[in-house]
Amino acid sequence: MASYKMLVKDVIHKADILLEIVDARFPQETRNSHVEDDLIRMGKPFIIVLNKCDLVSKKSLDKAKSSLSTIAPTVFVSGKDKSGTTILRHKIMELAGINKLKGGDILVGCLGYPNVGKSSVINGVTGRHRAGTSSISGHTKGVQLVNAGSNIKFIDTPGVIPFDEHDECMQGLLGIKDATHLKDTLGVALKMVEILCSENKAALESLYNVTIEEQDAYEVIELIGQKSNFLKKKGEIDEMRVSWKIIDDWQKGILVV
């Protein structure tokens, strides 16, 4: 905990501008108000980057931007298809101010929780594969300086703002842990089903060819298990197999909120 705080403090001190990368599916859960307070107190300009916007409906994005833009400039980005990265570059240059006029390098620090896609955002802005990316959480092992052209240099960091190690549900939702490393696999899958039933029921119905009416999350799990023929020898639903399937589809971006 102490080491991550020191690293965050060092990045904030060195950077001219900070990017707080958050997951567009869970903007409130993946932003860090303590870091934001530090940036505001120090007078450091920062941009809130809503990454993975391709996994969220326009309605949800507009709602998130309406809330977060009261704190700092907010930009939608998809590290996957590179949408929004040109807007982000322009916003960085706009906030650069005097550094741009002097012709010096603009150091842009990137902060965020594990697996929110910091390296993917950097690669999107640079237009090439310069920051290492991986679907495995913690791929960025140390601080890297990445040249993005136009006198912009990114300070890429590991997922330096850790979640509570006991917050397994959020670790599953963000893909920090895959199904093979989750203890409560069914519990995480149930949470995903609850979210989808509330935000995008059609995605569940379409992918698994089911019709969801008034069923609760567990009943939806059973429904998917029956339709997918995920059954045990005695005809009982194989909850674990269904849960693994839902978690895998969610983390691969097949299920969209």
Protein backbone atom coordinates (compact mmCIF):
# COMPACT_ATOMS: atom_id res chain seq x y z
CA MET A 1 0.00 0.00 0.00
CA ALA A 2 2.79 2.40 0.93
CA SER A 3 4.72 1.67 -2.28
CA TYR A 4 1.73 2.38 -4.52
CA LYS A 5 1.14 5.70 -2.76
CA MET A 6 4.76 6.69 -3.30
CA LEU A 7 4.56 5.73 -6.97
CA VAL A 8 1.36 7.72 -7.50
CA LYS A 9 2.89 10.72 -5.74
CA ASP A 10 6.02 10.50 -7.89
CA VAL A 11 4.03 10.29 -11.16
CA ILE A 12 1.85 13.24 -10.13
CA HIS A 13 4.95 15.28 -9.26
CA LYS A 14 6.72 14.57 -12.57
CA ALA A 15 3.75 14.90 -14.94
CA ASP A 16 2.47 18.10 -16.49
CA ILE A 17 -0.95 16.55 -17.10
CA LEU A 18 -2.55 13.44 -15.62
CA LEU A 19 -4.96 10.96 -17.18
CA GLU A 20 -7.20 9.10 -14.79
CA ILE A 21 -8.23 6.00 -16.74
CA VAL A 22 -11.54 4.51 -15.62
CA ASP A 23 -13.64 1.62 -16.93
CA ALA A 24 -16.70 3.06 -18.72
CA ARG A 25 -18.84 0.19 -17.39
CA PHE A 26 -18.05 1.15 -13.78
CA PRO A 27 -16.97 4.80 -13.79
CA GLN A 28 -17.74 5.51 -10.14
CA GLU A 29 -16.18 2.29 -8.87
CA THR A 30 -12.97 2.73 -10.87
CA ARG A 31 -12.32 6.41 -10.24
CA ASN A 32 -10.32 7.40 -7.18
CA SER A 33 -11.56 10.50 -5.37
CA HIS A 34 -8.45 10.63 -3.15
CA VAL A 35 -6.16 10.93 -6.17
CA GLU A 36 -8.51 13.49 -7.73
CA ASP A 37 -8.43 15.55 -4.53
CA ASP A 38 -4.63 15.48 -4.57
CA LEU A 39 -4.54 16.64 -8.19
CA ILE A 40 -6.97 19.49 -7.52
CA ARG A 41 -5.08 20.55 -4.40
CA MET A 42 -1.77 20.59 -6.30
CA GLY A 43 -3.30 22.45 -9.24
CA LYS A 44 -2.42 19.67 -11.67
CA PRO A 45 -4.62 19.55 -14.78
CA PHE A 46 -6.13 16.14 -15.40
CA ILE A 47 -8.49 14.39 -17.77
CA ILE A 48 -10.86 11.59 -16.83
CA VAL A 49 -10.71 9.01 -19.62
CA LEU A 50 -13.69 6.68 -19.90
CA ASN A 51 -12.07 3.66 -21.55
CA LYS A 52 -13.83 0.60 -23.02
CA CYS A 53 -16.69 2.79 -24.19
CA ASP A 54 -17.42 0.18 -26.88
CA LEU A 55 -18.79 -2.03 -24.08
CA VAL A 56 -21.33 0.55 -22.87
CA SER A 57 -24.53 2.02 -24.31
CA LYS A 58 -24.62 5.69 -25.33
CA LYS A 59 -27.18 6.35 -22.58
CA SER A 60 -24.80 5.04 -19.91
CA LEU A 61 -21.88 6.99 -21.37
CA ASP A 62 -23.83 10.25 -21.40
CA LYS A 63 -24.87 9.68 -17.79
CA ALA A 64 -21.27 9.04 -16.71
CA LYS A 65 -19.92 12.04 -18.61
CA SER A 66 -22.58 14.31 -17.12
CA SER A 67 -21.41 13.33 -13.64
CA LEU A 68 -17.65 13.20 -14.14
CA SER A 69 -17.28 16.33 -16.29
CA THR A 70 -18.11 18.40 -13.21
CA ILE A 71 -14.80 17.16 -11.76
CA ALA A 72 -12.52 17.35 -14.81
CA PRO A 73 -12.63 17.28 -18.62
CA THR A 74 -13.96 13.85 -19.60
CA VAL A 75 -13.24 11.96 -22.82
CA PHE A 76 -14.69 8.69 -24.19
CA VAL A 77 -12.12 6.25 -25.55
CA SER A 78 -12.07 2.71 -26.82
CA GLY A 79 -8.58 1.26 -26.62
CA LYS A 80 -9.91 -1.65 -28.70
CA ASP A 81 -10.97 0.25 -31.83
CA LYS A 82 -9.02 3.48 -31.09
CA SER A 83 -12.15 5.67 -31.14
CA GLY A 84 -11.84 8.92 -29.17
CA THR A 85 -8.05 8.85 -29.12
CA THR A 86 -7.71 11.83 -31.49
CA ILE A 87 -10.04 13.85 -29.27
CA LEU A 88 -7.95 12.84 -26.26
CA ARG A 89 -4.74 13.95 -27.98
CA HIS A 90 -6.29 17.34 -28.78
CA LYS A 91 -7.48 17.71 -25.19
CA ILE A 92 -3.98 16.95 -23.91
CA MET A 93 -2.50 19.61 -26.21
CA GLU A 94 -5.18 22.08 -25.14
CA LEU A 95 -4.38 21.61 -21.46
CA ALA A 96 -0.64 21.62 -22.08
CA GLY A 97 -0.70 25.41 -22.29
CA ILE A 98 2.65 27.00 -21.60
CA ASN A 99 4.62 23.79 -22.09
CA LYS A 100 3.36 23.60 -25.66
CA LEU A 101 4.30 27.21 -26.31
CA LYS A 102 7.83 26.63 -25.01
CA GLY A 103 8.24 23.70 -27.32
CA GLY A 104 9.24 21.39 -24.47
CA ASP A 105 8.06 17.84 -23.89
CA ILE A 106 4.62 17.41 -22.32
CA LEU A 107 4.78 14.65 -19.73
CA VAL A 108 1.44 12.89 -19.34
CA GLY A 109 1.03 10.60 -16.35
CA CYS A 110 -1.44 7.71 -16.56
CA LEU A 111 -3.07 6.42 -13.40
CA GLY A 112 -5.80 3.90 -12.73
CA TYR A 113 -6.83 0.57 -11.32
CA PRO A 114 -5.53 -2.69 -12.78
CA ASN A 115 -7.06 -3.76 -16.10
CA VAL A 116 -8.80 -0.48 -16.94
CA GLY A 117 -6.69 -0.31 -20.10
CA LYS A 118 -4.03 2.31 -19.48
CA SER A 119 -1.54 0.87 -21.95
CA SER A 120 -4.26 0.43 -24.59
CA VAL A 121 -5.19 4.11 -24.29
CA ILE A 122 -1.54 5.12 -24.72
CA ASN A 123 -1.20 2.92 -27.80
CA GLY A 124 -4.38 4.44 -29.21
CA VAL A 125 -3.03 7.99 -28.83
CA THR A 126 0.41 7.14 -30.22
CA GLY A 127 -1.16 5.31 -33.16
CA ARG A 128 1.13 2.34 -32.76
CA HIS A 129 1.98 -0.46 -30.37
CA ARG A 130 4.43 1.21 -28.00
CA ALA A 131 3.17 0.43 -24.50
CA GLY A 132 3.00 -3.24 -23.65
CA THR A 133 -0.54 -4.61 -23.37
CA SER A 134 -1.97 -7.90 -22.20
CA SER A 135 -5.29 -9.32 -21.08
CA ILE A 136 -3.52 -10.45 -17.93
CA SER A 137 -3.77 -7.97 -15.08
CA GLY A 138 -0.48 -6.41 -13.99
CA HIS A 139 1.25 -6.75 -17.38
CA THR A 140 2.87 -3.33 -16.98
CA LYS A 141 5.52 -4.24 -14.43
CA GLY A 142 7.29 -0.90 -14.05
CA VAL A 143 7.11 2.74 -15.06
CA GLN A 144 7.71 3.24 -18.78
CA LEU A 145 8.28 6.46 -20.75
CA VAL A 146 6.42 6.27 -24.07
CA ASN A 147 7.03 8.78 -26.89
CA ALA A 148 3.71 9.71 -28.54
CA GLY A 149 5.01 12.35 -30.96
CA SER A 150 4.08 16.07 -31.00
CA ASN A 151 6.29 16.48 -27.91
CA ILE A 152 3.96 14.26 -25.88
CA LYS A 153 5.52 11.63 -23.65
CA PHE A 154 3.44 9.28 -21.52
CA ILE A 155 4.46 8.01 -18.12
CA ASP A 156 2.91 4.53 -18.19
CA THR A 157 2.50 2.88 -14.81
CA PRO A 158 1.40 -0.49 -13.49
CA GLY A 159 -2.12 -0.78 -12.04
CA VAL A 160 -0.84 1.19 -9.10
CA ILE A 161 -4.13 1.86 -7.34
CA PRO A 162 -4.99 -1.51 -5.84
CA PHE A 163 -8.44 -2.83 -5.05
CA ASP A 164 -9.13 -4.41 -1.71
CA GLU A 165 -7.88 -7.95 -2.21
CA HIS A 166 -11.18 -9.21 -0.80
CA ASP A 167 -13.30 -7.37 -3.37
CA GLU A 168 -13.51 -10.43 -5.57
CA CYS A 169 -16.68 -9.36 -7.34
CA MET A 170 -15.07 -6.21 -8.74
CA GLN A 171 -11.96 -8.19 -9.63
CA GLY A 172 -14.15 -10.48 -11.70
CA LEU A 173 -16.16 -7.66 -13.28
CA LEU A 174 -13.00 -5.87 -14.40
CA GLY A 175 -11.23 -9.01 -15.52
CA ILE A 176 -8.51 -8.69 -12.90
CA LYS A 177 -9.16 -12.35 -12.12
CA ASP A 178 -10.56 -14.80 -14.63
CA ALA A 179 -12.99 -17.58 -13.72
CA THR A 180 -10.18 -20.01 -12.93
CA HIS A 181 -8.89 -17.72 -10.15
CA LEU A 182 -12.19 -16.71 -8.55
CA LYS A 183 -13.31 -18.44 -5.37
CA ASP A 184 -16.98 -17.46 -5.61
CA THR A 185 -17.49 -18.04 -9.33
CA LEU A 186 -21.28 -18.33 -9.04
CA GLY A 187 -21.49 -15.12 -6.98
CA VAL A 188 -19.57 -13.14 -9.60
CA ALA A 189 -21.67 -14.59 -12.44
CA LEU A 190 -24.86 -13.70 -10.55
CA LYS A 191 -23.66 -10.11 -10.21
CA MET A 192 -22.98 -9.93 -13.94
CA VAL A 193 -26.45 -11.28 -14.70
CA GLU A 194 -28.03 -8.73 -12.31
CA ILE A 195 -26.22 -5.88 -14.06
CA LEU A 196 -27.15 -7.10 -17.52
CA CYS A 197 -30.79 -7.71 -16.61
CA SER A 198 -30.92 -4.12 -15.39
CA GLU A 199 -28.88 -2.43 -18.14
CA ASN A 200 -29.01 -4.63 -21.24
CA LYS A 201 -31.24 -7.67 -20.89
CA ALA A 202 -31.35 -8.05 -24.67
CA ALA A 203 -27.63 -8.92 -24.70
CA LEU A 204 -28.25 -11.94 -22.48
CA GLU A 205 -31.31 -13.02 -24.42
CA SER A 206 -29.59 -12.72 -27.78
CA LEU A 207 -26.32 -14.42 -26.86
CA TYR A 208 -27.85 -17.37 -25.01
CA ASN A 209 -31.10 -17.57 -26.98
CA VAL A 210 -33.33 -17.24 -23.90
CA THR A 211 -36.35 -15.14 -22.95
CA ILE A 212 -36.04 -13.37 -19.61
CA GLU A 213 -39.20 -12.14 -17.94
CA GLU A 214 -39.44 -11.78 -14.15
CA GLN A 215 -36.79 -14.33 -13.22
CA ASP A 216 -34.18 -13.44 -10.62
CA ALA A 217 -30.47 -13.77 -11.39
CA TYR A 218 -30.23 -17.38 -10.18
CA GLU A 219 -33.22 -18.41 -12.27
CA VAL A 220 -31.58 -16.78 -15.30
CA ILE A 221 -28.45 -18.86 -14.61
CA GLU A 222 -30.64 -21.97 -14.62
CA LEU A 223 -32.37 -20.84 -17.81
CA ILE A 224 -29.04 -20.36 -19.59
CA GLY A 225 -27.84 -23.73 -18.28
CA GLN A 226 -30.90 -25.50 -19.65
CA LYS A 227 -30.70 -23.79 -23.04
CA SER A 228 -26.96 -24.46 -23.33
CA ASN A 229 -27.40 -28.06 -22.13
CA PHE A 230 -24.93 -27.47 -19.30
CA LEU A 231 -26.24 -30.35 -17.22
CA LYS A 232 -24.86 -32.85 -14.75
CA LYS A 233 -25.50 -36.59 -14.96
CA LYS A 234 -28.78 -36.41 -13.04
CA GLY A 235 -30.09 -33.56 -15.16
CA GLU A 236 -29.22 -30.85 -12.64
CA ILE A 237 -27.87 -27.53 -13.91
CA ASP A 238 -24.08 -27.36 -13.87
CA GLU A 239 -23.90 -23.96 -12.13
CA MET A 240 -20.11 -23.85 -12.28
CA ARG A 241 -19.99 -24.42 -16.03
CA VAL A 242 -22.67 -21.78 -16.67
CA SER A 243 -20.87 -19.33 -14.39
CA TRP A 244 -17.54 -19.86 -16.15
CA LYS A 245 -19.23 -19.27 -19.52
CA ILE A 246 -20.90 -16.01 -18.43
CA ILE A 247 -17.73 -14.68 -16.81
CA ASP A 248 -15.65 -15.55 -19.86
CA ASP A 249 -18.12 -13.91 -22.26
CA TRP A 250 -18.25 -10.81 -20.05
CA GLN A 251 -14.48 -10.46 -19.76
CA LYS A 252 -13.97 -10.95 -23.50
CA GLY A 253 -16.44 -8.14 -24.23
CA ILE A 254 -19.02 -10.41 -25.84
CA LEU A 255 -21.58 -9.32 -23.25
CA VAL A 256 -22.03 -5.55 -23.41
CA VAL A 257 -23.64 -3.46 -20.66
